[in-house]
C-alpha atoms as a PDB file:
ATOM      1  CA  UNK A   1       0.000   0.000   0.000  1.00  0.00           C
ATOM      2  CA  UNK A   2       1.715   3.245  -1.063  1.00  0.00           C
ATOM      3  CA  UNK A   3       2.047   6.182   1.284  1.00  0.00           C
ATOM      4  CA  UNK A   4      -0.153   9.146   0.368  1.00  0.00           C
ATOM      5  CA  UNK A   5       1.713  12.181  -0.999  1.00  0.00           C
ATOM      6  CA  UNK A   6       3.044  14.593   1.614  1.00  0.00           C
ATOM      7  CA  UNK A   7       2.884  12.127   4.509  1.00  0.00           C
ATOM      8  CA  UNK A   8       6.191  12.251   6.388  1.00  0.00           C
ATOM      9  CA  UNK A   9       7.578  10.028   9.108  1.00  0.00           C
ATOM     10  CA  UNK A  10       7.335  12.958  11.511  1.00  0.00           C
ATOM     11  CA  UNK A  11       3.617  13.361  10.698  1.00  0.00           C
ATOM     12  CA  UNK A  12       3.029   9.637  11.379  1.00  0.00           C
ATOM     13  CA  UNK A  13       4.870   9.910  14.705  1.00  0.00           C
ATOM     14  CA  UNK A  14       2.793  12.966  15.600  1.00  0.00           C
ATOM     15  CA  UNK A  15      -0.436  11.044  14.831  1.00  0.00           C
ATOM     16  CA  UNK A  16       0.721   8.123  16.956  1.00  0.00           C
ATOM     17  CA  UNK A  17       1.655  10.352  19.887  1.00  0.00           C
ATOM     18  CA  UNK A  18      -1.778  11.995  19.689  1.00  0.00           C
ATOM     19  CA  UNK A  19      -3.152   8.464  20.388  1.00  0.00           C
ATOM     20  CA  UNK A  20      -5.026   8.266  17.108  1.00  0.00           C
ATOM     21  CA  UNK A  21      -6.233   4.685  16.503  1.00  0.00           C
ATOM     22  CA  UNK A  22      -4.320   2.712  13.890  1.00  0.00           C
ATOM     23  CA  UNK A  23      -7.435   2.311  11.735  1.00  0.00           C
ATOM     24  CA  UNK A  24      -7.710   6.096  11.370  1.00  0.00           C
ATOM     25  CA  UNK A  25      -3.969   6.457  10.757  1.00  0.00           C
ATOM     26  CA  UNK A  26      -4.190   3.833   7.997  1.00  0.00           C
ATOM     27  CA  UNK A  27      -6.891   5.805   6.174  1.00  0.00           C
ATOM     28  CA  UNK A  28      -5.103   9.129   6.624  1.00  0.00           C
ATOM     29  CA  UNK A  29      -1.619   7.963   5.588  1.00  0.00           C
ATOM     30  CA  UNK A  30      -2.409   5.192   3.119  1.00  0.00           C
ATOM     31  CA  UNK A  31      -0.108   2.830   5.056  1.00  0.00           C
ATOM     32  CA  UNK A  32      -0.884  -0.495   6.693  1.00  0.00           C
ATOM     33  CA  UNK A  33      -0.639  -0.845  10.473  1.00  0.00           C
ATOM     34  CA  UNK A  34       2.596  -2.816  10.013  1.00  0.00           C
ATOM     35  CA  UNK A  35       4.110  -0.004   7.910  1.00  0.00           C
ATOM     36  CA  UNK A  36       3.105   2.530  10.552  1.00  0.00           C
ATOM     37  CA  UNK A  37       4.781   0.413  13.258  1.00  0.00           C
ATOM     38  CA  UNK A  38       7.905   0.130  11.078  1.00  0.00           C
ATOM     39  CA  UNK A  39       8.136   3.935  10.907  1.00  0.00           C
ATOM     40  CA  UNK A  40       7.822   4.085  14.702  1.00  0.00           C
ATOM     41  CA  UNK A  41      10.482   1.381  15.167  1.00  0.00           C
ATOM     42  CA  UNK A  42      12.810   3.153  12.720  1.00  0.00           C
ATOM     43  CA  UNK A  43      12.643   6.335  14.793  1.00  0.00           C
ATOM     44  CA  UNK A  44      12.802   4.414  18.115  1.00  0.00           C
ATOM     45  CA  UNK A  45       9.441   5.759  19.276  1.00  0.00           C
ATOM     46  CA  UNK A  46       8.400   4.142  22.546  1.00  0.00           C
ATOM     47  CA  UNK A  47       5.364   1.985  21.783  1.00  0.00           C
ATOM     48  CA  UNK A  48       2.323   2.211  24.027  1.00  0.00           C
ATOM     49  CA  UNK A  49       0.807  -1.169  24.914  1.00  0.00           C
ATOM     50  CA  UNK A  50      -2.635   0.386  25.235  1.00  0.00           C
ATOM     51  CA  UNK A  51      -2.628   1.639  21.644  1.00  0.00           C
ATOM     52  CA  UNK A  52      -2.830  -1.467  19.511  1.00  0.00           C
ATOM     53  CA  UNK A  53      -3.334  -2.222  15.862  1.00  0.00           C
ATOM     54  CA  UNK A  54      -5.387  -5.399  15.996  1.00  0.00           C
ATOM     55  CA  UNK A  55      -8.664  -6.395  17.545  1.00  0.00           C
ATOM     56  CA  UNK A  56      -9.576  -4.972  20.929  1.00  0.00           C
ATOM     57  CA  UNK A  57      -8.587  -7.113  23.901  1.00  0.00           C
ATOM     58  CA  UNK A  58     -11.385  -9.535  24.742  1.00  0.00           C
ATOM     59  CA  UNK A  59     -10.051 -10.942  28.010  1.00  0.00           C
ATOM     60  CA  UNK A  60      -8.577  -9.182  31.019  1.00  0.00           C
ATOM     61  CA  UNK A  61      -5.264 -10.318  32.533  1.00  0.00           C
ATOM     62  CA  UNK A  62      -2.573  -8.528  34.530  1.00  0.00           C
ATOM     63  CA  UNK A  63       0.217  -8.532  31.926  1.00  0.00           C
ATOM     64  CA  UNK A  64       2.702  -7.275  34.510  1.00  0.00           C
ATOM     65  CA  UNK A  65       2.026 -10.129  36.952  1.00  0.00           C
ATOM     66  CA  UNK A  66       5.419 -11.762  36.348  1.00  0.00           C
ATOM     67  CA  UNK A  67       7.446  -8.512  36.429  1.00  0.00           C
ATOM     68  CA  UNK A  68       7.450  -8.057  40.220  1.00  0.00           C
ATOM     69  CA  UNK A  69       8.792 -10.867  42.401  1.00  0.00           C
ATOM     70  CA  UNK A  70       6.204 -11.857  45.021  1.00  0.00           C
ATOM     71  CA  UNK A  71       5.384 -15.095  46.808  1.00  0.00           C
ATOM     72  CA  UNK A  72       2.240 -15.437  44.688  1.00  0.00           C
ATOM     73  CA  UNK A  73       4.149 -14.833  41.453  1.00  0.00           C
ATOM     74  CA  UNK A  74       6.793 -17.410  42.419  1.00  0.00           C
ATOM     75  CA  UNK A  75       4.110 -19.960  43.290  1.00  0.00           C
ATOM     76  CA  UNK A  76       2.227 -19.422  40.002  1.00  0.00           C
ATOM     77  CA  UNK A  77       5.506 -19.527  38.052  1.00  0.00           C
ATOM     78  CA  UNK A  78       6.391 -22.849  39.691  1.00  0.00           C
ATOM     79  CA  UNK A  79       2.987 -24.269  38.790  1.00  0.00           C
ATOM     80  CA  UNK A  80       3.358 -22.965  35.262  1.00  0.00           C
ATOM     81  CA  UNK A  81       6.738 -24.645  34.875  1.00  0.00           C
ATOM     82  CA  UNK A  82       5.379 -27.980  36.122  1.00  0.00           C
ATOM     83  CA  UNK A  83       1.784 -27.969  34.858  1.00  0.00           C
ATOM     84  CA  UNK A  84       1.549 -25.118  32.343  1.00  0.00           C
ATOM     85  CA  UNK A  85       1.748 -24.620  28.614  1.00  0.00           C
ATOM     86  CA  UNK A  86       2.012 -21.669  26.205  1.00  0.00           C
ATOM     87  CA  UNK A  87      -0.121 -21.788  23.061  1.00  0.00           C
ATOM     88  CA  UNK A  88       1.446 -19.277  20.673  1.00  0.00           C
ATOM     89  CA  UNK A  89      -1.194 -19.554  17.951  1.00  0.00           C
ATOM     90  CA  UNK A  90      -4.069 -19.183  20.409  1.00  0.00           C
ATOM     91  CA  UNK A  91      -2.329 -16.443  22.443  1.00  0.00           C
ATOM     92  CA  UNK A  92      -3.105 -18.273  25.655  1.00  0.00           C
ATOM     93  CA  UNK A  93      -1.534 -20.110  28.537  1.00  0.00           C
ATOM     94  CA  UNK A  94      -3.001 -23.126  30.282  1.00  0.00           C
ATOM     95  CA  UNK A  95      -2.589 -24.763  33.665  1.00  0.00           C
ATOM     96  CA  UNK A  96      -3.725 -28.319  34.327  1.00  0.00           C
ATOM     97  CA  UNK A  97      -4.473 -29.417  37.904  1.00  0.00           C
ATOM     98  CA  UNK A  98      -6.774 -31.951  39.540  1.00  0.00           C
ATOM     99  CA  UNK A  99      -7.919 -29.353  42.093  1.00  0.00           C
ATOM    100  CA  UNK A 100     -10.097 -26.687  40.440  1.00  0.00           C
ATOM    101  CA  UNK A 101      -9.662 -24.399  43.482  1.00  0.00           C
ATOM    102  CA  UNK A 102      -5.950 -24.086  42.660  1.00  0.00           C
ATOM    103  CA  UNK A 103      -6.849 -23.084  39.094  1.00  0.00           C
ATOM    104  CA  UNK A 104      -9.279 -20.438  40.339  1.00  0.00           C
ATOM    105  CA  UNK A 105      -6.621 -19.120  42.756  1.00  0.00           C
ATOM    106  CA  UNK A 106      -4.124 -18.780  39.882  1.00  0.00           C
ATOM    107  CA  UNK A 107      -6.680 -16.808  37.848  1.00  0.00           C
ATOM    108  CA  UNK A 108      -7.442 -14.632  40.863  1.00  0.00           C
ATOM    109  CA  UNK A 109      -3.746 -13.866  41.465  1.00  0.00           C
ATOM    110  CA  UNK A 110      -3.277 -13.006  37.777  1.00  0.00           C
ATOM    111  CA  UNK A 111      -6.454 -10.851  37.754  1.00  0.00           C
ATOM    112  CA  UNK A 112      -7.564 -12.818  34.710  1.00  0.00           C
ATOM    113  CA  UNK A 113     -10.815 -13.498  32.949  1.00  0.00           C
ATOM    114  CA  UNK A 114     -10.540 -17.208  32.516  1.00  0.00           C
ATOM    115  CA  UNK A 115     -12.132 -20.371  31.256  1.00  0.00           C
ATOM    116  CA  UNK A 116     -12.092 -23.715  33.029  1.00  0.00           C
ATOM    117  CA  UNK A 117     -12.152 -26.169  30.159  1.00  0.00           C
ATOM    118  CA  UNK A 118     -14.774 -28.841  30.766  1.00  0.00           C
ATOM    119  CA  UNK A 119     -13.727 -32.417  31.359  1.00  0.00           C
ATOM    120  CA  UNK A 120     -14.670 -34.520  28.363  1.00  0.00           C
ATOM    121  CA  UNK A 121     -13.800 -37.614  26.393  1.00  0.00           C
ATOM    122  CA  UNK A 122     -10.206 -36.512  25.740  1.00  0.00           C
ATOM    123  CA  UNK A 123      -9.637 -34.200  28.752  1.00  0.00           C
ATOM    124  CA  UNK A 124      -9.653 -35.993  32.120  1.00  0.00           C
ATOM    125  CA  UNK A 125      -8.109 -33.203  34.242  1.00  0.00           C
ATOM    126  CA  UNK A 126      -9.456 -29.665  34.793  1.00  0.00           C
ATOM    127  CA  UNK A 127      -7.586 -27.064  32.740  1.00  0.00           C
ATOM    128  CA  UNK A 128      -7.413 -23.298  33.265  1.00  0.00           C
ATOM    129  CA  UNK A 129      -7.171 -21.299  30.024  1.00  0.00           C
ATOM    130  CA  UNK A 130      -6.037 -17.657  30.184  1.00  0.00           C
ATOM    131  CA  UNK A 131      -6.380 -15.859  26.843  1.00  0.00           C
ATOM    132  CA  UNK A 132      -4.953 -12.566  25.736  1.00  0.00           C
END
């Protein structure tokens, strides 16, 4: 997608810093969201996690949970190492435990909207799914 005439990198940075949504920036500049991000990366503009280019976040989770060392964080990290899994394509993590109360406690500590996957023909153990 070609950039519209007269649109400079500085103008794109100014739009981003004004917190204009990517969808509006795309229409105004003629660039895709990826091209806009490339301009920002090129000029080392600090990216704001709250201003995203994709779909709005559907599920709540404390993304900074693992950045501060606490007893709860260490406990959840230990459970994740032993009974957890990252699903890159689904943008989710899962914990599998026989005790559903432990799974609910993990979700509570992580301030997460969560799903307890139902036990079925192929799943014999309760599984906590945290999506992002």
